[in-house]
Protein backbone atom coordinates (compact mmCIF):
# COMPACT_ATOMS: atom_id res chain seq x y z
CA UNK A 1 -23.33 -6.15 -4.04
CA UNK A 2 -19.95 -6.91 -4.87
CA UNK A 3 -18.76 -10.68 -3.98
CA UNK A 4 -15.17 -10.13 -1.28
CA UNK A 5 -12.62 -12.33 -1.36
CA UNK A 6 -9.39 -12.88 0.68
CA UNK A 7 -6.12 -11.97 -1.70
CA UNK A 8 -3.84 -13.11 0.95
CA UNK A 9 -3.04 -13.18 4.71
CA UNK A 10 -0.05 -13.74 7.45
CA UNK A 11 0.55 -13.10 10.81
CA UNK A 12 3.98 -12.35 13.06
CA UNK A 13 5.18 -14.82 15.73
CA UNK A 14 3.51 -13.89 18.75
CA UNK A 15 5.50 -12.65 21.58
CA UNK A 16 4.85 -12.51 25.39
CA UNK A 17 3.77 -9.78 27.48
CA UNK A 18 7.83 -8.43 28.11
CA UNK A 19 9.03 -10.86 25.88
CA UNK A 20 11.42 -11.11 23.23
CA UNK A 21 8.96 -8.17 21.12
CA UNK A 22 9.06 -5.68 23.98
CA UNK A 23 10.46 -3.13 22.91
CA UNK A 24 9.24 -3.34 19.89
CA UNK A 25 5.95 -0.36 19.14
CA UNK A 26 3.03 -1.46 17.72
CA UNK A 27 3.19 0.19 14.31
CA UNK A 28 6.81 -1.24 13.99
CA UNK A 29 5.26 -4.48 14.18
CA UNK A 30 2.47 -3.68 11.85
CA UNK A 31 4.51 -1.86 9.09
CA UNK A 32 7.11 -5.35 9.27
CA UNK A 33 4.71 -7.42 8.79
CA UNK A 34 2.70 -5.53 6.01
CA UNK A 35 5.98 -4.78 4.54
CA UNK A 36 6.12 -8.66 3.88
CA UNK A 37 3.22 -9.37 3.18
CA UNK A 38 2.81 -7.08 0.28
CA UNK A 39 6.37 -8.23 -1.12
CA UNK A 40 5.47 -12.21 -0.79
CA UNK A 41 2.53 -11.51 -2.40
CA UNK A 42 4.56 -9.38 -5.75
CA UNK A 43 1.61 -6.52 -4.69
CA UNK A 44 1.85 -2.93 -5.21
CA UNK A 45 0.80 -0.49 -1.88
CA UNK A 46 -0.90 1.51 -4.85
CA UNK A 47 -2.83 -0.65 -5.49
CA UNK A 48 -4.55 -0.32 -1.79
CA UNK A 49 -7.36 2.08 -1.10
CA UNK A 50 -7.38 2.03 2.54
CA UNK A 51 -5.68 0.65 5.48
CA UNK A 52 -8.07 -0.84 8.47
CA UNK A 53 -6.26 -1.62 11.80
CA UNK A 54 -7.92 -2.94 14.88
CA UNK A 55 -6.09 -2.05 18.34
CA UNK A 56 -7.36 -1.69 21.45
CA UNK A 57 -4.57 -0.67 23.81
CA UNK A 58 -2.13 1.77 21.86
CA UNK A 59 -3.10 5.04 23.40
CA UNK A 60 -4.80 6.43 20.58
CA UNK A 61 -3.33 8.42 17.93
CA UNK A 62 -4.50 6.74 14.95
CA UNK A 63 -1.62 3.64 15.04
CA UNK A 64 -3.24 2.87 11.89
CA UNK A 65 -2.30 5.23 9.86
CA UNK A 66 1.03 5.22 11.58
CA UNK A 67 1.35 1.81 10.29
CA UNK A 68 0.58 2.59 7.15
CA UNK A 69 3.27 5.46 6.54
CA UNK A 70 5.64 3.28 7.67
CA UNK A 71 5.05 1.09 5.44
CA UNK A 72 6.22 2.63 2.70
CA UNK A 73 2.54 3.09 1.17
CA UNK A 74 1.85 5.66 -1.24
CA UNK A 75 1.40 8.99 1.67
CA UNK A 76 -2.60 8.85 -0.53
CA UNK A 77 -3.28 5.95 0.84
CA UNK A 78 -6.16 6.62 4.06
CA UNK A 79 -5.60 4.49 7.12
CA UNK A 80 -7.89 4.70 10.45
CA UNK A 81 -8.03 2.16 13.75
CA UNK A 82 -11.08 0.44 15.35
CA UNK A 83 -11.85 -0.44 18.41
CA UNK A 84 -14.16 -3.66 19.91
CA UNK A 85 -11.93 -4.66 21.91
CA UNK A 86 -10.74 -8.40 21.37
CA UNK A 87 -13.39 -8.23 17.94
CA UNK A 88 -11.29 -5.61 16.79
CA UNK A 89 -9.07 -7.25 14.14
CA UNK A 90 -12.34 -8.78 13.54
CA UNK A 91 -14.13 -5.72 13.33
CA UNK A 92 -11.23 -4.42 10.83
CA UNK A 93 -12.17 -7.29 8.14
CA UNK A 94 -16.33 -7.13 8.70
CA UNK A 95 -15.84 -2.79 7.86
CA UNK A 96 -13.65 -3.66 4.78
CA UNK A 97 -15.74 -5.68 3.49
CA UNK A 98 -18.61 -3.36 4.10
CA UNK A 99 -16.69 -0.91 2.09
CA UNK A 100 -16.23 -3.46 -0.84
CA UNK A 101 -19.20 -5.02 -1.03
CA UNK A 102 -20.45 -1.57 -1.16
CA UNK A 103 -18.08 -0.43 -3.83
CA UNK A 104 -16.89 2.02 -1.72
CA UNK A 105 -13.27 0.34 -2.59
CA UNK A 106 -11.71 -2.50 -4.00
CA UNK A 107 -8.56 -3.65 -2.35
CA UNK A 108 -8.41 -2.85 1.67
CA UNK A 109 -6.02 -4.04 3.96
CA UNK A 110 -7.04 -5.20 7.27
CA UNK A 111 -5.80 -6.59 10.45
CA UNK A 112 -4.60 -5.99 13.84
CA UNK A 113 -1.86 -4.66 15.91
CA UNK A 114 -1.76 -5.18 19.94
CA UNK A 115 1.48 -4.61 22.14
CA UNK A 116 0.69 -5.00 26.07
CA UNK A 117 4.62 -4.66 26.50
CA UNK A 118 4.23 -1.12 24.73
CA UNK A 119 1.51 -0.16 26.20
CA UNK A 120 1.48 3.29 27.79
CA UNK A 121 0.29 3.62 31.17
CA UNK A 122 -3.44 5.30 31.99
CA UNK A 123 -3.87 7.73 34.65
CA UNK A 124 -7.14 9.54 35.49
CA UNK A 125 -7.58 12.93 35.92
CA UNK A 126 -8.22 14.25 39.16
CA UNK A 127 -11.88 16.41 38.81
CA UNK A 128 -10.25 19.55 41.34
CA UNK A 129 -7.03 20.33 40.82
CA UNK A 130 -6.00 20.49 43.90
CA UNK A 131 -5.89 18.14 47.01
CA UNK A 132 -5.94 14.74 44.85
CA UNK A 133 -3.35 12.56 43.57
CA UNK A 134 -3.41 11.11 40.40
CA UNK A 135 -5.15 7.68 39.88
CA UNK A 136 -3.23 5.11 37.90
CA UNK A 137 -5.78 2.70 35.60
CA UNK A 138 -5.15 -0.78 35.48
CA UNK A 139 -7.81 -0.76 32.00
CA UNK A 140 -10.33 1.71 30.22
CA UNK A 141 -14.27 1.01 31.68
CA UNK A 142 -15.70 -1.07 29.38
CA UNK A 143 -19.11 -0.33 30.79
CA UNK A 144 -21.43 1.85 33.14
CA UNK A 145 -23.03 1.92 36.08
CA UNK A 146 -26.45 0.18 35.43
CA UNK A 147 -24.93 -2.76 34.16
CA UNK A 148 -21.80 -3.15 36.35
CA UNK A 149 -18.29 -3.08 34.46
CA UNK A 150 -16.97 -6.48 36.01
CA UNK A 151 -13.19 -7.39 35.72
CA UNK A 152 -13.37 -10.08 32.81
CA UNK A 153 -12.04 -12.64 35.00
CA UNK A 154 -13.94 -12.36 37.71
CA UNK A 155 -17.16 -12.22 35.19
CA UNK A 156 -15.43 -15.29 33.92
CA UNK A 157 -15.47 -16.93 37.23
CA UNK A 158 -19.07 -16.72 37.66
CA UNK A 159 -20.06 -17.84 34.35
CA UNK A 160 -18.10 -20.72 35.00
CA UNK A 161 -20.14 -21.13 38.32
CA UNK A 162 -23.74 -20.58 36.85
CA UNK A 163 -22.32 -22.82 33.70
CA UNK A 164 -21.36 -25.19 36.44
CA UNK A 165 -17.44 -25.92 34.64
CA UNK A 166 -15.30 -27.34 37.43
CA UNK A 167 -11.64 -26.60 37.35
CA UNK A 168 -11.15 -29.85 36.30
CA UNK A 169 -13.28 -29.19 32.93
CA UNK A 170 -11.01 -26.12 32.52
CA UNK A 171 -7.69 -27.47 32.64
CA UNK A 172 -8.47 -30.09 30.48
CA UNK A 173 -9.50 -28.05 27.91
CA UNK A 174 -6.54 -25.91 28.94
CA UNK A 175 -4.23 -28.90 27.86
CA UNK A 176 -6.52 -29.59 24.50
CA UNK A 177 -5.24 -26.11 23.54
CA UNK A 178 -2.07 -26.68 24.20
CA UNK A 179 -1.56 -30.69 22.61
CA UNK A 180 -3.51 -29.40 19.75
CA UNK A 181 -0.73 -26.25 18.93
CA UNK A 182 2.36 -28.75 19.00
CA UNK A 183 0.93 -31.48 17.16
CA UNK A 184 0.12 -28.93 14.33
CA UNK A 185 3.68 -27.08 15.38
CA UNK A 186 5.22 -30.52 14.79
CA UNK A 187 3.73 -31.10 11.10
CA UNK A 188 3.99 -27.70 9.53
CA UNK A 189 0.78 -26.55 10.04
CA UNK A 190 1.43 -23.20 10.59
CA UNK A 191 4.31 -22.61 8.07
CA UNK A 192 2.05 -20.39 5.54
CA UNK A 193 0.64 -18.43 8.39
CA UNK A 194 3.58 -17.10 9.84
CA UNK A 195 6.11 -14.57 9.33
CA UNK A 196 9.33 -14.27 11.99
CA UNK A 197 9.90 -10.66 13.42
CA UNK A 198 13.51 -10.21 12.29
CA UNK A 199 15.45 -13.72 14.32
CA UNK A 200 12.33 -14.71 16.20
CA UNK A 201 11.74 -18.26 15.51
CA UNK A 202 8.95 -19.22 17.76
CA UNK A 203 5.58 -18.15 19.31
CA UNK A 204 6.70 -17.49 23.07
CA UNK A 205 3.66 -18.66 25.07
CA UNK A 206 3.09 -21.74 24.07
CA UNK A 207 4.02 -23.99 27.00
CA UNK A 208 5.21 -27.91 25.41
CA UNK A 209 6.04 -29.10 29.08
CA UNK A 210 2.26 -28.92 29.49
CA UNK A 211 0.71 -31.83 32.07
CA UNK A 212 -2.55 -31.78 33.88
CA UNK A 213 -0.58 -32.22 36.90
CA UNK A 214 1.48 -28.87 36.53
CA UNK A 215 -2.07 -27.11 35.17
CA UNK A 216 -3.76 -28.80 38.81
CA UNK A 217 -1.13 -26.72 41.01
CA UNK A 218 -1.58 -23.37 39.73
CA UNK A 219 -2.63 -20.59 41.73
CA UNK A 220 -6.18 -19.16 40.90
CA UNK A 221 -5.14 -16.09 39.06
CA UNK A 222 -8.39 -13.48 39.88
CA UNK A 223 -9.78 -14.77 43.30
CA UNK A 224 -8.33 -16.30 46.66
CA UNK A 225 -10.55 -19.29 46.08
CA UNK A 226 -11.09 -19.08 41.93
CA UNK A 227 -11.07 -21.67 39.35
CA UNK A 228 -9.48 -19.48 36.50
CA UNK A 229 -5.18 -19.82 36.74
CA UNK A 230 -2.65 -18.48 34.67
CA UNK A 231 -3.27 -21.99 33.08
CA UNK A 232 -6.38 -21.93 31.65
CA UNK A 233 -6.89 -18.13 30.85
CA UNK A 234 -5.20 -16.67 27.77
CA UNK A 235 -1.74 -15.16 28.11
CA UNK A 236 -0.70 -11.20 27.56
CA UNK A 237 1.00 -10.83 24.11
CA UNK A 238 2.34 -8.69 21.33
CA UNK A 239 1.77 -9.54 17.70
CA UNK A 240 0.40 -8.69 14.51
CA UNK A 241 -2.24 -9.88 11.96
CA UNK A 242 -3.04 -8.65 8.09
CA UNK A 243 -5.37 -9.49 5.41
CA UNK A 244 -5.79 -8.20 1.92
CA UNK A 245 -9.33 -8.01 0.54
CA UNK A 246 -10.51 -7.34 -2.52
CA UNK A 247 -13.16 -7.21 -4.71
CA UNK A 248 -14.16 -9.70 -7.65
CA UNK A 249 -13.17 -7.18 -10.32
CA UNK A 250 -10.40 -6.16 -8.83
CA UNK A 251 -9.54 -9.94 -8.53
CA UNK A 252 -10.48 -10.08 -12.46
CA UNK A 253 -8.24 -6.85 -13.36
CA UNK A 254 -5.05 -8.28 -11.05
CA UNK A 255 -5.34 -11.74 -12.42
CA UNK A 256 -5.75 -13.48 -9.29
CA UNK A 257 -7.11 -16.48 -8.03
CA UNK A 258 -8.62 -15.80 -4.60
CA UNK A 259 -9.25 -19.32 -2.29
CA UNK A 260 -11.84 -17.34 -0.43
CA UNK A 261 -14.57 -15.21 0.17
CA UNK A 262 -15.78 -13.20 2.82
CA UNK A 263 -19.59 -14.28 3.13
CA UNK A 264 -21.14 -12.46 6.44
CA UNK A 265 -20.06 -11.05 9.60
CA UNK A 266 -22.21 -9.90 12.59
CA UNK A 267 -21.93 -8.28 15.95
CA UNK A 268 -24.49 -8.06 18.67
CA UNK A 269 -24.62 -6.96 22.37
CA UNK A 270 -25.18 -9.01 25.49
CA UNK A 271 -25.32 -8.17 29.19
CA UNK A 272 -21.37 -7.26 29.88
CA UNK A 273 -21.67 -9.33 32.82
CA UNK A 274 -22.47 -12.12 30.37
CA UNK A 275 -19.74 -11.30 27.47
CA UNK A 276 -18.26 -14.65 27.56
CA UNK A 277 -21.53 -15.81 25.67
CA UNK A 278 -21.15 -12.98 22.91
CA UNK A 279 -19.86 -15.48 20.50
CA UNK A 280 -22.98 -17.66 20.75
CA UNK A 281 -25.63 -14.85 19.83
CA UNK A 282 -23.41 -13.65 17.23
CA UNK A 283 -22.82 -17.29 15.97
CA UNK A 284 -27.01 -17.74 15.73
CA UNK A 285 -28.03 -14.46 13.94
CA UNK A 286 -25.24 -15.37 11.54
CA UNK A 287 -26.79 -17.99 10.73
CA UNK A 288 -29.97 -17.56 10.59
CA UNK A 289 -29.78 -14.51 8.45
CA UNK A 290 -27.77 -16.98 6.02
CA UNK A 291 -30.28 -19.64 6.72
CA UNK A 292 -27.69 -21.87 7.55
CA UNK A 293 -27.65 -24.78 11.11
CA UNK A 294 -24.68 -25.54 12.86
CA UNK A 295 -24.19 -28.66 11.00
CA UNK A 296 -23.48 -27.40 7.69
CA UNK A 297 -20.07 -25.07 9.22
CA UNK A 298 -16.89 -27.46 8.97
CA UNK A 299 -14.51 -25.62 10.94
CA UNK A 300 -14.33 -23.08 13.57
CA UNK A 301 -12.18 -21.10 15.08
CA UNK A 302 -13.78 -19.82 18.72
CA UNK A 303 -11.04 -17.25 20.78
CA UNK A 304 -9.48 -18.77 23.82
CA UNK A 305 -10.41 -15.80 25.46
CA UNK A 306 -10.60 -17.94 29.47
CA UNK A 307 -11.10 -22.22 29.07
CA UNK A 308 -14.48 -21.76 31.21
CA UNK A 309 -15.46 -18.99 28.57
CA UNK A 310 -15.00 -21.30 25.64
CA UNK A 311 -16.41 -24.35 27.27
CA UNK A 312 -19.82 -22.20 28.54
CA UNK A 313 -19.84 -21.05 24.50
CA UNK A 314 -19.46 -24.97 23.61
CA UNK A 315 -21.99 -26.42 25.67
CA UNK A 316 -24.61 -23.38 25.61
CA UNK A 317 -24.15 -23.08 21.68
CA UNK A 318 -24.09 -26.78 21.55
CA UNK A 319 -20.95 -26.89 19.11
CA UNK A 320 -19.05 -29.72 18.07
CA UNK A 321 -15.97 -29.60 19.59
CA UNK A 322 -14.36 -31.64 16.96
CA UNK A 323 -14.41 -28.86 14.75
CA UNK A 324 -13.14 -26.37 16.93
CA UNK A 325 -9.73 -24.89 17.26
CA UNK A 326 -8.45 -28.65 15.86
CA UNK A 327 -4.60 -26.80 16.00
CA UNK A 328 -5.24 -25.31 19.50
CA UNK A 329 -6.14 -21.53 20.26
CA UNK A 330 -5.79 -18.28 22.55
CA UNK A 331 -4.59 -20.46 25.38
CA UNK A 332 -1.56 -22.16 23.50
CA UNK A 333 -1.01 -19.38 20.91
CA UNK A 334 -1.89 -16.66 22.75
CA UNK A 335 -3.74 -12.83 22.44
CA UNK A 336 -2.91 -9.95 21.35
CA UNK A 337 -6.18 -8.45 21.60
CA UNK A 338 -6.56 -6.37 18.46
CA UNK A 339 -4.75 -8.69 15.95
CA UNK A 340 -6.38 -11.93 17.07
CA UNK A 341 -9.14 -11.58 15.16
CA UNK A 342 -6.96 -11.84 11.51
CA UNK A 343 -4.95 -14.31 13.55
CA UNK A 344 -8.35 -16.17 13.84
CA UNK A 345 -9.44 -15.46 10.68
CA UNK A 346 -5.84 -16.56 8.58
CA UNK A 347 -6.26 -19.65 10.97
CA UNK A 348 -9.34 -20.34 9.62
CA UNK A 349 -8.04 -20.49 5.73
CA UNK A 350 -5.70 -23.05 6.84
CA UNK A 351 -7.81 -25.61 8.71
CA UNK A 352 -10.42 -25.43 5.63
CA UNK A 353 -7.58 -25.89 2.90
CA UNK A 354 -6.36 -28.74 5.47
CA UNK A 355 -9.87 -30.35 4.88
CA UNK A 356 -10.47 -31.54 1.17
CA UNK A 357 -14.36 -31.79 2.14
CA UNK A 358 -14.86 -28.61 4.14
CA UNK A 359 -16.10 -25.69 2.67
CA UNK A 360 -17.57 -22.89 5.27
CA UNK A 361 -15.73 -22.05 8.44
CA UNK A 362 -16.73 -19.45 11.11
CA UNK A 363 -14.41 -17.19 13.01
CA UNK A 364 -16.08 -15.82 16.48
CA UNK A 365 -15.47 -14.03 19.74
CA UNK A 366 -16.36 -12.61 23.15
CA UNK A 367 -15.71 -8.83 23.42
CA UNK A 368 -15.00 -7.07 27.18
CA UNK A 369 -18.60 -4.77 27.81
CA UNK A 370 -20.78 -7.52 26.56
CA UNK A 371 -20.33 -7.95 22.93
CA UNK A 372 -19.83 -11.48 20.26
CA UNK A 373 -18.73 -10.92 16.60
CA UNK A 374 -18.66 -13.38 14.05
CA UNK A 375 -17.65 -14.20 10.64
CA UNK A 376 -18.63 -16.51 8.16
CA UNK A 377 -15.96 -17.67 5.13
CA UNK A 378 -16.41 -19.97 2.40
CA UNK A 379 -13.77 -21.47 0.65
CA UNK A 380 -13.97 -21.76 -3.05
CA UNK A 381 -14.36 -24.59 -5.06
């Protein structure tokens, strides 16, 4: 099978719900980023075989195709949209990898886009024509009755209780994420990953003034006596991220020298109530399939949907904290659902480059509805 390489990648600065990107439609975000990414890398749109976009709450209509058209790619370049909830952006990379490995394509743009600010309202259609009022839904269902369909915050509260993860431990981890982000920002770690959107100059969600004292005063977010708060849960965000993936033959033909190879990736299903532990199951399967151990993985980007979920994965999987999210995670910079998988993959590329002896890296994510996804990346010598 063909080898698959990452030719280039970038993300937009991440906006917060109702923030600087609140009036920007998801296809505008995606098209802006894709145009800039192609221009920066002197890349012809005619060389792209397909565009694959992760998106969760955009309301349908194939936002991937709208992005491709709005990016001024040739009209002949097809596109489609993937929804694996929080791992949608990661799944777009896995799908592109499978297509290139199999020979179905040579060069694919993959990634994701999300605008929580522009997400359309969901209204359930009444089953009877008269006598019932429309019901506004907070979200679409992620599971079915026999398994339960818990709110992710509530499910994570239950996970924290089962794992005996305290409010203090959650706040301490959230503080770590904020501090690591600020240190990395000061050191210019993110510069090569980022493309600003017009006049926007920084990610909106990080809180540089965060202290443990402030975190400890925040009220519970999901139930009156709960431990999850706005400080130790990821915020709502707007953003986009894309990678250009290509085969070895394409890279040779175009005289490209990519620095990263996509080795493998998996997605798994687990009980919906245990969705937070999806990364543990997915990573276990991925490592086993590639005859690797966790000790051989040099850097890990684990999506921080909630501090409790992150800590549960670290504890259950016996994962080394010193390898995880060294420049902070979603608790600091945010979680634009459909884009986060691509954001974390681009983050991992930077972290592997920062460590001269590092070679193998892992991106892993939990998924609402009871799934997990993981991707294995190798830095080329």
